[in-house]
Amino acid sequence: MEDSIIDLIIALKGKCSITDENIRGKTTLSPSEYRALMSISEVEVLSSTEFSGRIGLSPSRGSRVIEKMIQNGYLSRKSYPGDRRTAMISLSPEAVELKKRIVEIKRECEQKIKAKVPAKELDTIKRALNKLISIL
């Protein structure tokens, strides 16, 4: 019997999850912290509300993630000059280095795919994946 599209998506997700878990396994990051790290650029400064929204968390859950990441040395927090109640969040130097290592691991994984799939097929795969993402 031929695999259904959803079975193939689940199988691909499993392969990607293994890579993702291997990357996170080399850190102390939870899935939410990992998403946060990867969603903030090295130069961005976000309010805690923006931070929470960017990674799809409620402000209260986002605050807990922020606190843990600050304790683990991945985020820096400063008070907003016009309102002390607003915290401004940025990546710490340690987080910037960690993010660079993660990006390199992802790049190596991508290179494995590119080495085994012709460029024309890669473009077709990317378009198909983007279409599936937009549908789901």
C-alpha atoms as a PDB file:
ATOM      1  CA  MET A   1       0.000   0.000   0.000  1.00  0.00           C
ATOM      2  CA  GLU A   2       1.241   3.471  -0.879  1.00  0.00           C
ATOM      3  CA  ASP A   3       1.989   5.874   1.968  1.00  0.00           C
ATOM      4  CA  SER A   4      -0.483   8.706   2.333  1.00  0.00           C
ATOM      5  CA  ILE A   5       0.744  12.296   2.184  1.00  0.00           C
ATOM      6  CA  ILE A   6       0.132  12.739   5.901  1.00  0.00           C
ATOM      7  CA  ASP A   7       2.136   9.560   6.667  1.00  0.00           C
ATOM      8  CA  LEU A   8       5.037  10.947   4.647  1.00  0.00           C
ATOM      9  CA  ILE A   9       4.773  14.310   6.439  1.00  0.00           C
ATOM     10  CA  ILE A  10       4.791  12.543   9.810  1.00  0.00           C
ATOM     11  CA  ALA A  11       7.813  10.463   8.771  1.00  0.00           C
ATOM     12  CA  LEU A  12       9.659  13.612   7.646  1.00  0.00           C
ATOM     13  CA  LYS A  13       8.687  15.376  10.856  1.00  0.00           C
ATOM     14  CA  GLY A  14      10.123  12.432  12.797  1.00  0.00           C
ATOM     15  CA  LYS A  15      13.439  12.699  10.962  1.00  0.00           C
ATOM     16  CA  CYS A  16      13.536  16.459  11.528  1.00  0.00           C
ATOM     17  CA  SER A  17      12.565  16.031  15.187  1.00  0.00           C
ATOM     18  CA  ILE A  18      15.515  13.701  15.706  1.00  0.00           C
ATOM     19  CA  THR A  19      17.850  16.359  14.273  1.00  0.00           C
ATOM     20  CA  ASP A  20      16.139  19.039  16.340  1.00  0.00           C
ATOM     21  CA  GLU A  21      16.405  16.935  19.517  1.00  0.00           C
ATOM     22  CA  ASN A  22      20.081  16.276  18.800  1.00  0.00           C
ATOM     23  CA  ILE A  23      20.679  20.008  18.500  1.00  0.00           C
ATOM     24  CA  ARG A  24      18.720  20.808  21.659  1.00  0.00           C
ATOM     25  CA  GLY A  25      20.329  17.859  23.455  1.00  0.00           C
ATOM     26  CA  LYS A  26      23.641  19.673  23.236  1.00  0.00           C
ATOM     27  CA  THR A  27      22.117  22.550  25.216  1.00  0.00           C
ATOM     28  CA  THR A  28      19.882  23.051  28.227  1.00  0.00           C
ATOM     29  CA  LEU A  29      17.158  24.598  26.060  1.00  0.00           C
ATOM     30  CA  SER A  30      13.528  23.511  26.274  1.00  0.00           C
ATOM     31  CA  PRO A  31      11.532  23.491  23.004  1.00  0.00           C
ATOM     32  CA  SER A  32      10.120  26.961  23.840  1.00  0.00           C
ATOM     33  CA  GLU A  33      13.565  28.316  24.668  1.00  0.00           C
ATOM     34  CA  TYR A  34      14.955  26.867  21.455  1.00  0.00           C
ATOM     35  CA  ARG A  35      12.176  28.539  19.422  1.00  0.00           C
ATOM     36  CA  ALA A  36      12.897  31.782  21.234  1.00  0.00           C
ATOM     37  CA  LEU A  37      16.627  31.616  20.572  1.00  0.00           C
ATOM     38  CA  MET A  38      16.086  30.930  16.891  1.00  0.00           C
ATOM     39  CA  SER A  39      13.449  33.650  16.485  1.00  0.00           C
ATOM     40  CA  ILE A  40      15.545  36.554  17.772  1.00  0.00           C
ATOM     41  CA  SER A  41      18.355  38.046  15.714  1.00  0.00           C
ATOM     42  CA  GLU A  42      21.666  38.945  17.275  1.00  0.00           C
ATOM     43  CA  VAL A  43      20.862  42.667  17.223  1.00  0.00           C
ATOM     44  CA  GLU A  44      17.179  42.707  18.137  1.00  0.00           C
ATOM     45  CA  VAL A  45      15.788  44.097  21.347  1.00  0.00           C
ATOM     46  CA  LEU A  46      12.212  43.037  22.083  1.00  0.00           C
ATOM     47  CA  SER A  47       9.694  43.814  24.772  1.00  0.00           C
ATOM     48  CA  SER A  48       8.629  40.783  26.783  1.00  0.00           C
ATOM     49  CA  THR A  49       5.219  40.991  25.066  1.00  0.00           C
ATOM     50  CA  GLU A  50       6.812  40.960  21.602  1.00  0.00           C
ATOM     51  CA  PHE A  51       9.040  38.078  22.686  1.00  0.00           C
ATOM     52  CA  SER A  52       6.063  36.018  23.882  1.00  0.00           C
ATOM     53  CA  GLY A  53       4.043  36.729  20.761  1.00  0.00           C
ATOM     54  CA  ARG A  54       6.878  35.858  18.450  1.00  0.00           C
ATOM     55  CA  ILE A  55       7.189  32.362  19.865  1.00  0.00           C
ATOM     56  CA  GLY A  56       3.449  31.833  20.267  1.00  0.00           C
ATOM     57  CA  LEU A  57       3.231  31.964  24.056  1.00  0.00           C
ATOM     58  CA  SER A  58       0.928  33.821  26.394  1.00  0.00           C
ATOM     59  CA  PRO A  59       2.590  36.747  28.206  1.00  0.00           C
ATOM     60  CA  SER A  60       2.633  34.804  31.488  1.00  0.00           C
ATOM     61  CA  ARG A  61       4.216  31.693  29.916  1.00  0.00           C
ATOM     62  CA  GLY A  62       6.596  33.932  27.969  1.00  0.00           C
ATOM     63  CA  SER A  63       7.677  35.590  31.228  1.00  0.00           C
ATOM     64  CA  ARG A  64       8.565  32.199  32.691  1.00  0.00           C
ATOM     65  CA  VAL A  65      10.607  31.309  29.600  1.00  0.00           C
ATOM     66  CA  ILE A  66      12.351  34.695  29.772  1.00  0.00           C
ATOM     67  CA  GLU A  67      13.229  34.178  33.443  1.00  0.00           C
ATOM     68  CA  LYS A  68      14.657  30.719  32.810  1.00  0.00           C
ATOM     69  CA  MET A  69      16.672  31.932  29.821  1.00  0.00           C
ATOM     70  CA  ILE A  70      18.045  34.840  31.858  1.00  0.00           C
ATOM     71  CA  GLN A  71      19.007  32.453  34.680  1.00  0.00           C
ATOM     72  CA  ASN A  72      20.751  30.177  32.162  1.00  0.00           C
ATOM     73  CA  GLY A  73      22.602  33.131  30.648  1.00  0.00           C
ATOM     74  CA  TYR A  74      20.865  33.130  27.239  1.00  0.00           C
ATOM     75  CA  LEU A  75      18.982  36.436  27.512  1.00  0.00           C
ATOM     76  CA  SER A  76      19.765  39.887  28.807  1.00  0.00           C
ATOM     77  CA  ARG A  77      17.071  42.138  30.248  1.00  0.00           C
ATOM     78  CA  LYS A  78      17.035  45.886  30.624  1.00  0.00           C
ATOM     79  CA  SER A  79      14.298  48.233  31.744  1.00  0.00           C
ATOM     80  CA  TYR A  80      12.652  50.324  29.049  1.00  0.00           C
ATOM     81  CA  PRO A  81      13.786  53.932  29.505  1.00  0.00           C
ATOM     82  CA  GLY A  82      10.266  55.388  29.391  1.00  0.00           C
ATOM     83  CA  ASP A  83       8.542  52.720  31.498  1.00  0.00           C
ATOM     84  CA  ARG A  84      10.329  50.675  34.153  1.00  0.00           C
ATOM     85  CA  ARG A  85       7.541  48.077  34.052  1.00  0.00           C
ATOM     86  CA  THR A  86       8.497  47.130  30.484  1.00  0.00           C
ATOM     87  CA  ALA A  87      11.442  44.782  30.108  1.00  0.00           C
ATOM     88  CA  MET A  88      13.525  44.817  26.939  1.00  0.00           C
ATOM     89  CA  ILE A  89      14.979  41.439  26.008  1.00  0.00           C
ATOM     90  CA  SER A  90      18.021  40.634  23.856  1.00  0.00           C
ATOM     91  CA  LEU A  91      20.309  37.679  23.294  1.00  0.00           C
ATOM     92  CA  SER A  92      23.345  37.423  25.531  1.00  0.00           C
ATOM     93  CA  PRO A  93      26.787  36.940  23.953  1.00  0.00           C
ATOM     94  CA  GLU A  94      26.622  33.261  25.019  1.00  0.00           C
ATOM     95  CA  ALA A  95      23.285  32.849  23.219  1.00  0.00           C
ATOM     96  CA  VAL A  96      24.680  34.459  20.075  1.00  0.00           C
ATOM     97  CA  GLU A  97      27.515  31.914  20.032  1.00  0.00           C
ATOM     98  CA  LEU A  98      25.113  29.036  20.722  1.00  0.00           C
ATOM     99  CA  LYS A  99      22.847  30.207  17.923  1.00  0.00           C
ATOM    100  CA  LYS A 100      25.819  30.275  15.540  1.00  0.00           C
ATOM    101  CA  ARG A 101      26.630  26.652  16.457  1.00  0.00           C
ATOM    102  CA  ILE A 102      22.997  25.618  15.928  1.00  0.00           C
ATOM    103  CA  VAL A 103      22.869  27.365  12.553  1.00  0.00           C
ATOM    104  CA  GLU A 104      26.035  25.516  11.555  1.00  0.00           C
ATOM    105  CA  ILE A 105      24.520  22.136  12.524  1.00  0.00           C
ATOM    106  CA  LYS A 106      21.409  22.977  10.493  1.00  0.00           C
ATOM    107  CA  ARG A 107      23.585  24.040   7.569  1.00  0.00           C
ATOM    108  CA  GLU A 108      25.410  20.704   7.681  1.00  0.00           C
ATOM    109  CA  CYS A 109      22.070  18.877   7.633  1.00  0.00           C
ATOM    110  CA  GLU A 110      20.928  20.977   4.672  1.00  0.00           C
ATOM    111  CA  GLN A 111      24.187  20.198   2.854  1.00  0.00           C
ATOM    112  CA  LYS A 112      23.474  16.463   3.225  1.00  0.00           C
ATOM    113  CA  ILE A 113      20.134  16.970   1.511  1.00  0.00           C
ATOM    114  CA  LYS A 114      21.594  19.174  -1.219  1.00  0.00           C
ATOM    115  CA  ALA A 115      24.366  16.660  -1.902  1.00  0.00           C
ATOM    116  CA  LYS A 116      21.854  13.915  -2.681  1.00  0.00           C
ATOM    117  CA  VAL A 117      19.048  15.830  -4.420  1.00  0.00           C
ATOM    118  CA  PRO A 118      19.490  17.596  -7.760  1.00  0.00           C
ATOM    119  CA  ALA A 119      18.956  21.381  -7.663  1.00  0.00           C
ATOM    120  CA  LYS A 120      15.845  21.228  -9.887  1.00  0.00           C
ATOM    121  CA  GLU A 121      14.234  18.696  -7.537  1.00  0.00           C
ATOM    122  CA  LEU A 122      15.182  20.821  -4.496  1.00  0.00           C
ATOM    123  CA  ASP A 123      13.235  23.747  -5.915  1.00  0.00           C
ATOM    124  CA  THR A 124      10.205  21.513  -6.519  1.00  0.00           C
ATOM    125  CA  ILE A 125      10.453  20.101  -2.991  1.00  0.00           C
ATOM    126  CA  LYS A 126      10.690  23.581  -1.456  1.00  0.00           C
ATOM    127  CA  ARG A 127       7.640  24.799  -3.378  1.00  0.00           C
ATOM    128  CA  ALA A 128       5.680  21.693  -2.368  1.00  0.00           C
ATOM    129  CA  LEU A 129       6.662  22.034   1.288  1.00  0.00           C
ATOM    130  CA  ASN A 130       5.722  25.717   1.316  1.00  0.00           C
ATOM    131  CA  LYS A 131       2.377  24.870  -0.248  1.00  0.00           C
ATOM    132  CA  LEU A 132       1.706  22.183   2.380  1.00  0.00           C
ATOM    133  CA  ILE A 133       2.652  24.594   5.160  1.00  0.00           C
ATOM    134  CA  SER A 134       0.267  27.216   3.814  1.00  0.00           C
ATOM    135  CA  ILE A 135      -2.534  24.641   3.519  1.00  0.00           C
ATOM    136  CA  LEU A 136      -2.071  23.236   7.005  1.00  0.00           C
END
